[in-house]
């Protein structure tokens, strides 16, 4: 006999989700005193999960599938049709191997070098300005770096438009009205651009390096031995470009942490590299990035005496798990030293998904995120000096993704 899953009242609770944002699932986990509850979102029954044990359950491929899980508005903006995030089984494993082939130490070092070069070039321009909006500038830095690393050839005068479009892909899934449609239109433009490049590669008109995503994905074959279709290649190349540009969110929070916790600067200044890693990990744990991820129940099963019915939409609380007091001591305090000897579960620290890299749905680009953040932190600490004027550095827990309201303004920039 199974127990009844705690249930939130109401015909549909999507408005509550929009009002509470990152804390929607966490708030109800606390009020129900349960890491699982049932609700209705977007007109459908949904189960919400949180915590380490729940994350381990959620990433069990025998119990959950990704097919048809993500809402259409997310597929049409953030992910793209037939993207790796929507796949299961052998097809997902095969596609994941394609992504992981880019993550060699040499290739990641190549990206770090490109990122450093762009920071240096940008700082030279910044010295001539009274002030800059860091979020917008870092998007440009990372767009150029992502394109160079991925082999995507874009004219200089097109880069700003591309950076704005890639930003729209990750800022629009939870937005309403014109802001959401901005993301859909951006998706159409960027896919068209990359599809044209794929065609040019296959026609021999351009020859990107064999180390790049454009080359590898263009010539990737599916499980039937046929080349991936042009549309899928474009979607997956964008799944390289977009996440790198999205690191600008984390970099904004990195600067915010340096500003709000000035004692951390001293620790970083005396660092041999280890503390920088701890600091970056705490930025990723503490500040909001992805709120939750979706899957569907693959087949009926019982967990902790609760029955999960086949095809039920299920959300895993990423933000809440990273702030779970059962996993983290004083989770609402910013404390990089919690990572000093951290050997925690891959299901307890899940800013970009949980589980193992090779087989599961943990983000293949997590290593890239960490290394780009480290490279950027090093330049912010040792490459430039700057002042932060008075500004609105508050950030919303309902806007997804969240960034400081001022987008972090810095001034009086000098290269060191």
Protein backbone atom coordinates (compact mmCIF):
# COMPACT_ATOMS: atom_id res chain seq x y z
CA UNK A 1 0.00 0.00 0.00
CA UNK A 2 1.51 3.36 -1.02
CA UNK A 3 1.15 6.68 0.77
CA UNK A 4 -0.48 9.73 -0.79
CA UNK A 5 2.03 12.32 -2.02
CA UNK A 6 1.47 15.71 -0.29
CA UNK A 7 -0.54 17.83 -2.70
CA UNK A 8 -0.70 21.58 -3.24
CA UNK A 9 -4.26 22.82 -3.56
CA UNK A 10 -5.47 24.75 -6.60
CA UNK A 11 -6.53 24.15 -10.19
CA UNK A 12 -3.19 25.45 -11.48
CA UNK A 13 -0.25 26.91 -9.57
CA UNK A 14 1.79 28.34 -12.44
CA UNK A 15 1.21 31.89 -11.16
CA UNK A 16 2.65 30.89 -7.77
CA UNK A 17 5.69 29.50 -9.57
CA UNK A 18 6.15 32.78 -11.42
CA UNK A 19 5.70 34.80 -8.20
CA UNK A 20 8.15 32.72 -6.16
CA UNK A 21 10.66 31.73 -8.85
CA UNK A 22 13.72 29.93 -7.53
CA UNK A 23 12.14 29.30 -4.12
CA UNK A 24 8.82 27.87 -5.31
CA UNK A 25 9.75 24.21 -4.78
CA UNK A 26 11.89 24.89 -1.71
CA UNK A 27 9.10 26.82 0.01
CA UNK A 28 6.67 23.94 -0.41
CA UNK A 29 9.20 21.31 0.61
CA UNK A 30 9.49 23.24 3.86
CA UNK A 31 5.75 23.78 4.35
CA UNK A 32 4.93 20.12 3.61
CA UNK A 33 8.04 18.94 5.48
CA UNK A 34 8.58 16.66 2.52
CA UNK A 35 11.09 16.38 -0.31
CA UNK A 36 8.29 15.35 -2.67
CA UNK A 37 4.93 16.97 -3.36
CA UNK A 38 2.33 17.11 -6.12
CA UNK A 39 1.00 20.23 -7.82
CA UNK A 40 -0.40 21.44 -11.14
CA UNK A 41 1.78 23.53 -13.45
CA UNK A 42 1.05 24.72 -16.98
CA UNK A 43 -2.29 22.91 -16.72
CA UNK A 44 -0.71 19.53 -15.97
CA UNK A 45 -0.19 17.35 -12.92
CA UNK A 46 3.41 17.59 -11.77
CA UNK A 47 5.57 16.11 -9.02
CA UNK A 48 8.30 18.27 -7.50
CA UNK A 49 11.40 16.78 -5.85
CA UNK A 50 14.33 18.18 -3.90
CA UNK A 51 17.36 17.07 -1.89
CA UNK A 52 20.22 14.66 -2.48
CA UNK A 53 18.23 11.42 -2.35
CA UNK A 54 15.58 12.85 -4.65
CA UNK A 55 18.25 13.98 -7.11
CA UNK A 56 19.72 10.50 -7.18
CA UNK A 57 16.26 9.15 -7.93
CA UNK A 58 15.62 11.77 -10.63
CA UNK A 59 18.80 10.85 -12.52
CA UNK A 60 18.00 7.13 -12.52
CA UNK A 61 17.46 6.46 -16.22
CA UNK A 62 15.39 3.38 -15.40
CA UNK A 63 12.81 5.55 -13.66
CA UNK A 64 12.81 8.86 -15.56
CA UNK A 65 13.03 9.93 -19.18
CA UNK A 66 13.61 13.33 -20.86
CA UNK A 67 11.46 12.79 -23.95
CA UNK A 68 8.54 15.28 -24.02
CA UNK A 69 9.47 16.55 -20.52
CA UNK A 70 10.64 20.08 -21.22
CA UNK A 71 7.81 22.58 -21.83
CA UNK A 72 7.53 23.67 -25.47
CA UNK A 73 8.47 27.26 -24.59
CA UNK A 74 11.80 25.93 -23.24
CA UNK A 75 12.46 23.77 -26.31
CA UNK A 76 11.64 26.68 -28.63
CA UNK A 77 14.09 29.02 -26.88
CA UNK A 78 16.70 27.48 -24.58
CA UNK A 79 17.26 23.98 -25.97
CA UNK A 80 16.12 23.62 -29.56
CA UNK A 81 14.29 20.66 -31.13
CA UNK A 82 15.93 17.22 -30.86
CA UNK A 83 18.61 18.64 -28.54
CA UNK A 84 20.69 16.39 -26.32
CA UNK A 85 18.68 17.48 -23.26
CA UNK A 86 15.55 15.84 -24.75
CA UNK A 87 17.10 12.43 -25.46
CA UNK A 88 17.23 9.14 -23.55
CA UNK A 89 19.00 5.80 -23.68
CA UNK A 90 21.52 4.91 -26.36
CA UNK A 91 20.74 8.01 -28.39
CA UNK A 92 21.52 10.26 -25.42
CA UNK A 93 24.69 8.34 -24.61
CA UNK A 94 25.87 8.59 -28.21
CA UNK A 95 25.15 12.31 -28.40
CA UNK A 96 26.78 12.87 -24.99
CA UNK A 97 29.98 11.24 -26.26
CA UNK A 98 29.98 13.78 -29.09
CA UNK A 99 29.93 16.62 -26.57
CA UNK A 100 32.47 15.03 -24.26
CA UNK A 101 34.91 14.69 -27.18
CA UNK A 102 35.33 18.48 -26.96
CA UNK A 103 36.27 18.41 -23.29
CA UNK A 104 39.88 17.21 -23.55
CA UNK A 105 42.34 19.10 -21.36
CA UNK A 106 44.07 20.54 -24.44
CA UNK A 107 40.81 21.79 -25.91
CA UNK A 108 39.67 23.35 -22.64
CA UNK A 109 43.08 25.03 -22.32
CA UNK A 110 42.57 26.42 -25.82
CA UNK A 111 39.30 27.98 -24.71
CA UNK A 112 40.91 29.46 -21.59
CA UNK A 113 43.59 31.07 -23.72
CA UNK A 114 40.98 32.61 -26.03
CA UNK A 115 39.00 33.92 -23.04
CA UNK A 116 42.12 35.52 -21.56
CA UNK A 117 42.93 37.19 -24.87
CA UNK A 118 39.43 38.66 -25.01
CA UNK A 119 39.62 39.98 -21.46
CA UNK A 120 42.91 41.71 -22.30
CA UNK A 121 41.55 43.22 -25.53
CA UNK A 122 38.38 44.41 -23.80
CA UNK A 123 40.22 45.99 -20.87
CA UNK A 124 42.25 48.05 -23.31
CA UNK A 125 38.98 49.53 -24.62
CA UNK A 126 37.51 49.96 -21.17
CA UNK A 127 40.36 52.22 -20.08
CA UNK A 128 39.08 54.79 -22.57
CA UNK A 129 35.56 54.80 -21.07
CA UNK A 130 34.15 56.38 -17.92
CA UNK A 131 32.31 53.21 -17.00
CA UNK A 132 30.98 49.96 -18.45
CA UNK A 133 28.07 47.61 -17.81
CA UNK A 134 29.97 44.45 -17.02
CA UNK A 135 27.21 41.96 -17.84
CA UNK A 136 26.90 43.25 -21.40
CA UNK A 137 30.66 43.46 -21.92
CA UNK A 138 31.27 39.94 -20.63
CA UNK A 139 28.60 38.59 -22.98
CA UNK A 140 30.61 40.06 -25.86
CA UNK A 141 33.84 38.57 -24.50
CA UNK A 142 32.30 35.13 -24.16
CA UNK A 143 30.46 35.25 -27.48
CA UNK A 144 33.69 35.94 -29.34
CA UNK A 145 35.50 33.25 -27.33
CA UNK A 146 32.72 30.70 -27.86
CA UNK A 147 32.61 31.32 -31.61
CA UNK A 148 36.38 31.03 -32.00
CA UNK A 149 36.49 27.88 -29.88
CA UNK A 150 33.55 26.29 -31.69
CA UNK A 151 34.83 27.20 -35.18
CA UNK A 152 31.85 29.46 -35.90
CA UNK A 153 33.00 32.18 -38.27
CA UNK A 154 31.05 35.40 -37.74
CA UNK A 155 31.77 38.85 -39.12
CA UNK A 156 32.82 41.37 -36.47
CA UNK A 157 29.81 43.58 -37.12
CA UNK A 158 27.51 40.60 -36.53
CA UNK A 159 28.96 39.59 -33.16
CA UNK A 160 26.93 42.00 -31.05
CA UNK A 161 23.68 40.80 -32.64
CA UNK A 162 24.71 37.18 -32.11
CA UNK A 163 25.65 37.82 -28.47
CA UNK A 164 22.25 39.44 -27.87
CA UNK A 165 20.48 36.54 -29.57
CA UNK A 166 22.34 33.95 -27.50
CA UNK A 167 21.46 35.93 -24.39
CA UNK A 168 17.80 35.88 -25.42
CA UNK A 169 17.86 32.08 -25.66
CA UNK A 170 18.56 31.67 -21.94
CA UNK A 171 16.71 34.75 -20.69
CA UNK A 172 13.37 34.12 -22.45
CA UNK A 173 12.12 30.62 -21.46
CA UNK A 174 10.43 31.85 -18.28
CA UNK A 175 9.50 35.26 -19.71
CA UNK A 176 6.05 36.31 -20.88
CA UNK A 177 4.83 38.23 -23.92
CA UNK A 178 7.35 40.13 -26.07
CA UNK A 179 10.34 39.05 -23.96
CA UNK A 180 9.52 35.41 -24.62
CA UNK A 181 8.96 35.92 -28.34
CA UNK A 182 12.29 37.71 -28.51
CA UNK A 183 13.86 34.37 -27.57
CA UNK A 184 11.91 32.44 -30.18
CA UNK A 185 12.89 34.88 -32.91
CA UNK A 186 16.52 34.74 -31.73
CA UNK A 187 16.40 30.93 -31.92
CA UNK A 188 15.26 31.10 -35.57
CA UNK A 189 18.02 33.57 -36.50
CA UNK A 190 20.86 31.70 -34.81
CA UNK A 191 19.76 28.31 -36.13
CA UNK A 192 19.62 29.72 -39.66
CA UNK A 193 23.13 31.18 -39.29
CA UNK A 194 24.64 27.92 -38.03
CA UNK A 195 22.77 25.78 -40.57
CA UNK A 196 24.31 27.89 -43.33
CA UNK A 197 27.77 27.29 -41.85
CA UNK A 198 27.14 23.54 -41.63
CA UNK A 199 26.19 23.53 -45.30
CA UNK A 200 29.36 25.45 -46.17
CA UNK A 201 31.50 22.94 -44.27
CA UNK A 202 29.87 20.00 -46.03
CA UNK A 203 30.28 21.73 -49.39
CA UNK A 204 33.97 22.37 -48.69
CA UNK A 205 33.59 26.17 -48.72
CA UNK A 206 35.03 26.56 -45.22
CA UNK A 207 37.27 24.23 -43.21
CA UNK A 208 37.08 24.68 -39.44
CA UNK A 209 39.69 23.01 -37.26
CA UNK A 210 39.11 19.35 -36.46
CA UNK A 211 39.13 20.28 -32.74
CA UNK A 212 36.04 22.48 -33.03
CA UNK A 213 32.37 21.75 -32.38
CA UNK A 214 31.39 22.92 -35.86
CA UNK A 215 33.71 20.37 -37.48
CA UNK A 216 33.00 17.47 -35.12
CA UNK A 217 29.23 17.92 -35.08
CA UNK A 218 28.96 18.53 -38.84
CA UNK A 219 30.62 15.20 -39.57
CA UNK A 220 29.02 13.28 -36.69
CA UNK A 221 26.96 10.27 -37.71
CA UNK A 222 23.90 8.99 -35.90
CA UNK A 223 23.33 5.43 -34.67
CA UNK A 224 22.21 4.43 -38.19
CA UNK A 225 25.53 5.58 -39.67
CA UNK A 226 24.06 8.63 -41.41
CA UNK A 227 25.25 12.20 -40.92
CA UNK A 228 23.21 14.15 -38.43
CA UNK A 229 20.70 16.35 -40.19
CA UNK A 230 21.67 20.00 -40.60
CA UNK A 231 18.99 21.22 -38.16
CA UNK A 232 20.24 18.94 -35.36
CA UNK A 233 23.86 19.93 -35.94
CA UNK A 234 22.89 23.58 -35.66
CA UNK A 235 20.93 22.98 -32.43
CA UNK A 236 23.89 21.20 -30.83
CA UNK A 237 26.48 23.77 -31.95
CA UNK A 238 24.24 26.39 -30.34
CA UNK A 239 24.24 24.18 -27.23
CA UNK A 240 27.97 24.95 -27.11
CA UNK A 241 27.71 28.68 -27.83
CA UNK A 242 24.75 29.55 -25.60
CA UNK A 243 26.00 28.00 -22.33
CA UNK A 244 29.38 29.72 -22.70
CA UNK A 245 27.71 33.10 -23.13
CA UNK A 246 25.47 32.29 -20.15
CA UNK A 247 28.57 32.06 -17.94
CA UNK A 248 28.30 35.87 -17.96
CA UNK A 249 25.59 35.41 -15.29
CA UNK A 250 28.02 33.60 -13.01
CA UNK A 251 30.77 36.14 -13.70
CA UNK A 252 28.44 38.95 -12.67
CA UNK A 253 27.81 37.12 -9.40
CA UNK A 254 31.57 36.56 -9.03
CA UNK A 255 32.12 40.33 -9.05
CA UNK A 256 29.18 40.77 -6.69
CA UNK A 257 30.72 38.27 -4.26
CA UNK A 258 34.09 40.08 -4.39
CA UNK A 259 32.25 43.32 -3.61
CA UNK A 260 30.03 42.00 -0.81
CA UNK A 261 32.73 39.84 0.81
CA UNK A 262 35.94 41.91 0.56
CA UNK A 263 37.77 39.55 2.93
CA UNK A 264 37.65 36.98 0.13
CA UNK A 265 39.97 39.16 -1.96
CA UNK A 266 42.73 38.71 0.62
CA UNK A 267 42.34 34.95 0.59
CA UNK A 268 42.36 34.89 -3.20
CA UNK A 269 45.42 37.16 -3.34
CA UNK A 270 47.36 34.63 -1.24
CA UNK A 271 46.03 31.75 -3.28
CA UNK A 272 47.93 28.96 -5.01
CA UNK A 273 44.91 28.06 -7.13
CA UNK A 274 43.01 25.92 -4.65
CA UNK A 275 41.09 28.77 -3.02
CA UNK A 276 40.04 30.17 -6.41
CA UNK A 277 38.43 26.80 -7.16
CA UNK A 278 36.63 26.81 -3.81
CA UNK A 279 35.46 30.39 -4.38
CA UNK A 280 34.10 29.59 -7.84
CA UNK A 281 32.27 26.52 -6.57
CA UNK A 282 30.65 28.56 -3.80
CA UNK A 283 29.52 31.20 -6.32
CA UNK A 284 27.90 28.40 -8.30
CA UNK A 285 26.25 26.93 -5.20
CA UNK A 286 25.15 30.14 -3.49
CA UNK A 287 23.78 32.32 -6.28
CA UNK A 288 20.73 31.45 -8.44
CA UNK A 289 21.31 30.06 -11.93
CA UNK A 290 19.02 27.22 -13.11
CA UNK A 291 15.99 26.85 -10.80
CA UNK A 292 14.94 23.28 -11.71
CA UNK A 293 14.97 20.68 -14.47
CA UNK A 294 12.21 18.46 -15.86
CA UNK A 295 11.71 14.79 -16.69
CA UNK A 296 8.83 12.32 -16.98
CA UNK A 297 8.26 9.09 -15.08
CA UNK A 298 9.34 6.26 -17.35
CA UNK A 299 7.21 3.56 -15.73
CA UNK A 300 5.21 3.13 -12.52
CA UNK A 301 7.37 2.71 -9.40
CA UNK A 302 7.29 3.20 -5.62
CA UNK A 303 9.79 5.44 -3.80
CA UNK A 304 9.60 6.00 -0.03
CA UNK A 305 6.09 4.51 -0.14
CA UNK A 306 4.98 7.10 -2.72
CA UNK A 307 3.66 5.93 -6.07
CA UNK A 308 5.03 7.60 -9.20
CA UNK A 309 2.81 7.00 -12.21
CA UNK A 310 4.08 6.57 -15.75
CA UNK A 311 4.52 9.76 -17.80
CA UNK A 312 3.98 12.14 -14.85
CA UNK A 313 5.84 15.41 -15.33
CA UNK A 314 8.49 15.78 -12.60
CA UNK A 315 10.69 18.72 -11.59
CA UNK A 316 13.93 18.52 -9.61
CA UNK A 317 14.77 21.51 -7.40
CA UNK A 318 18.33 22.54 -8.31
CA UNK A 319 18.47 25.79 -6.35
CA UNK A 320 16.82 24.28 -3.27
CA UNK A 321 19.09 21.24 -3.27
CA UNK A 322 22.12 23.54 -3.34
CA UNK A 323 20.62 25.28 -0.28
CA UNK A 324 19.45 22.16 1.52
CA UNK A 325 20.44 22.15 5.22
CA UNK A 326 20.50 18.34 5.11
CA UNK A 327 23.39 18.62 2.63
CA UNK A 328 25.02 21.96 3.51
CA UNK A 329 25.85 23.49 6.88
CA UNK A 330 24.47 27.05 7.08
CA UNK A 331 23.47 26.94 3.39
CA UNK A 332 22.45 30.61 3.27
CA UNK A 333 25.94 31.80 4.19
CA UNK A 334 28.55 32.47 1.50
CA UNK A 335 31.48 30.32 2.60
CA UNK A 336 33.97 29.01 0.01
CA UNK A 337 35.83 27.04 2.67
CA UNK A 338 32.98 24.53 2.75
CA UNK A 339 34.64 23.14 -0.42
CA UNK A 340 38.10 22.79 1.14
CA UNK A 341 37.88 19.04 1.62
CA UNK A 342 34.59 18.52 -0.15
CA UNK A 343 34.07 15.05 -1.54
CA UNK A 344 30.32 15.26 -1.68
CA UNK A 345 27.85 13.33 -3.72
CA UNK A 346 27.31 14.30 -7.37
CA UNK A 347 23.65 14.56 -6.36
CA UNK A 348 24.10 17.08 -3.54
CA UNK A 349 25.83 19.84 -5.51
CA UNK A 350 23.85 20.31 -8.72
CA UNK A 351 24.03 23.87 -10.09
CA UNK A 352 24.15 22.43 -13.63
CA UNK A 353 22.44 19.12 -13.04
CA UNK A 354 23.41 16.00 -11.14
CA UNK A 355 24.83 12.55 -11.62
CA UNK A 356 27.84 11.40 -13.59
CA UNK A 357 29.18 13.11 -16.72
CA UNK A 358 29.64 10.19 -19.04
CA UNK A 359 26.33 8.34 -18.82
CA UNK A 360 23.91 10.73 -17.15
CA UNK A 361 22.38 14.14 -17.75
CA UNK A 362 24.90 16.23 -15.81
CA UNK A 363 25.94 19.12 -18.03
CA UNK A 364 28.88 18.18 -20.25
CA UNK A 365 30.02 21.80 -20.19
CA UNK A 366 30.36 22.06 -16.41
CA UNK A 367 34.15 21.78 -16.64
CA UNK A 368 34.15 24.58 -19.20
CA UNK A 369 32.05 26.75 -16.89
CA UNK A 370 34.45 26.26 -13.99
CA UNK A 371 37.58 26.93 -16.06
CA UNK A 372 36.15 30.02 -17.78
CA UNK A 373 35.08 31.35 -14.39
CA UNK A 374 38.56 30.74 -12.95
CA UNK A 375 40.21 32.48 -15.90
CA UNK A 376 37.84 35.43 -15.54
CA UNK A 377 38.33 35.63 -11.77
CA UNK A 378 42.09 35.69 -12.23
CA UNK A 379 41.84 38.61 -14.65
CA UNK A 380 39.41 40.50 -12.42
CA UNK A 381 41.83 40.06 -9.51
CA UNK A 382 45.17 40.50 -11.25
CA UNK A 383 44.56 42.02 -14.67
CA UNK A 384 42.61 45.17 -13.90
CA UNK A 385 41.80 47.60 -11.13
CA UNK A 386 38.36 49.22 -11.01
CA UNK A 387 35.85 51.02 -8.81
CA UNK A 388 32.21 50.18 -8.25
CA UNK A 389 29.95 53.26 -8.01
CA UNK A 390 26.72 53.27 -6.05
CA UNK A 391 24.16 51.16 -7.91
CA UNK A 392 21.33 48.70 -7.42
CA UNK A 393 23.08 45.39 -6.79
CA UNK A 394 19.97 43.62 -5.55
CA UNK A 395 18.90 40.58 -7.55
CA UNK A 396 15.49 39.03 -7.94
CA UNK A 397 14.58 35.50 -6.92
CA UNK A 398 11.68 35.54 -9.37
CA UNK A 399 13.45 36.62 -12.57
CA UNK A 400 14.97 33.61 -14.31
CA UNK A 401 17.86 33.87 -14.80
CA UNK A 402 18.56 36.33 -12.03
CA UNK A 403 21.24 39.00 -12.35
CA UNK A 404 21.95 42.13 -10.26
CA UNK A 405 19.53 44.88 -11.29
CA UNK A 406 22.32 47.24 -12.41
CA UNK A 407 24.05 44.42 -14.34
CA UNK A 408 27.16 45.50 -12.37
CA UNK A 409 28.61 48.85 -13.38
CA UNK A 410 32.35 49.35 -12.94
CA UNK A 411 34.39 52.50 -13.59
CA UNK A 412 37.93 53.94 -13.50
CA UNK A 413 39.27 50.78 -15.10
CA UNK A 414 43.04 50.47 -15.27
CA UNK A 415 45.08 47.58 -16.54
CA UNK A 416 47.67 46.27 -14.10
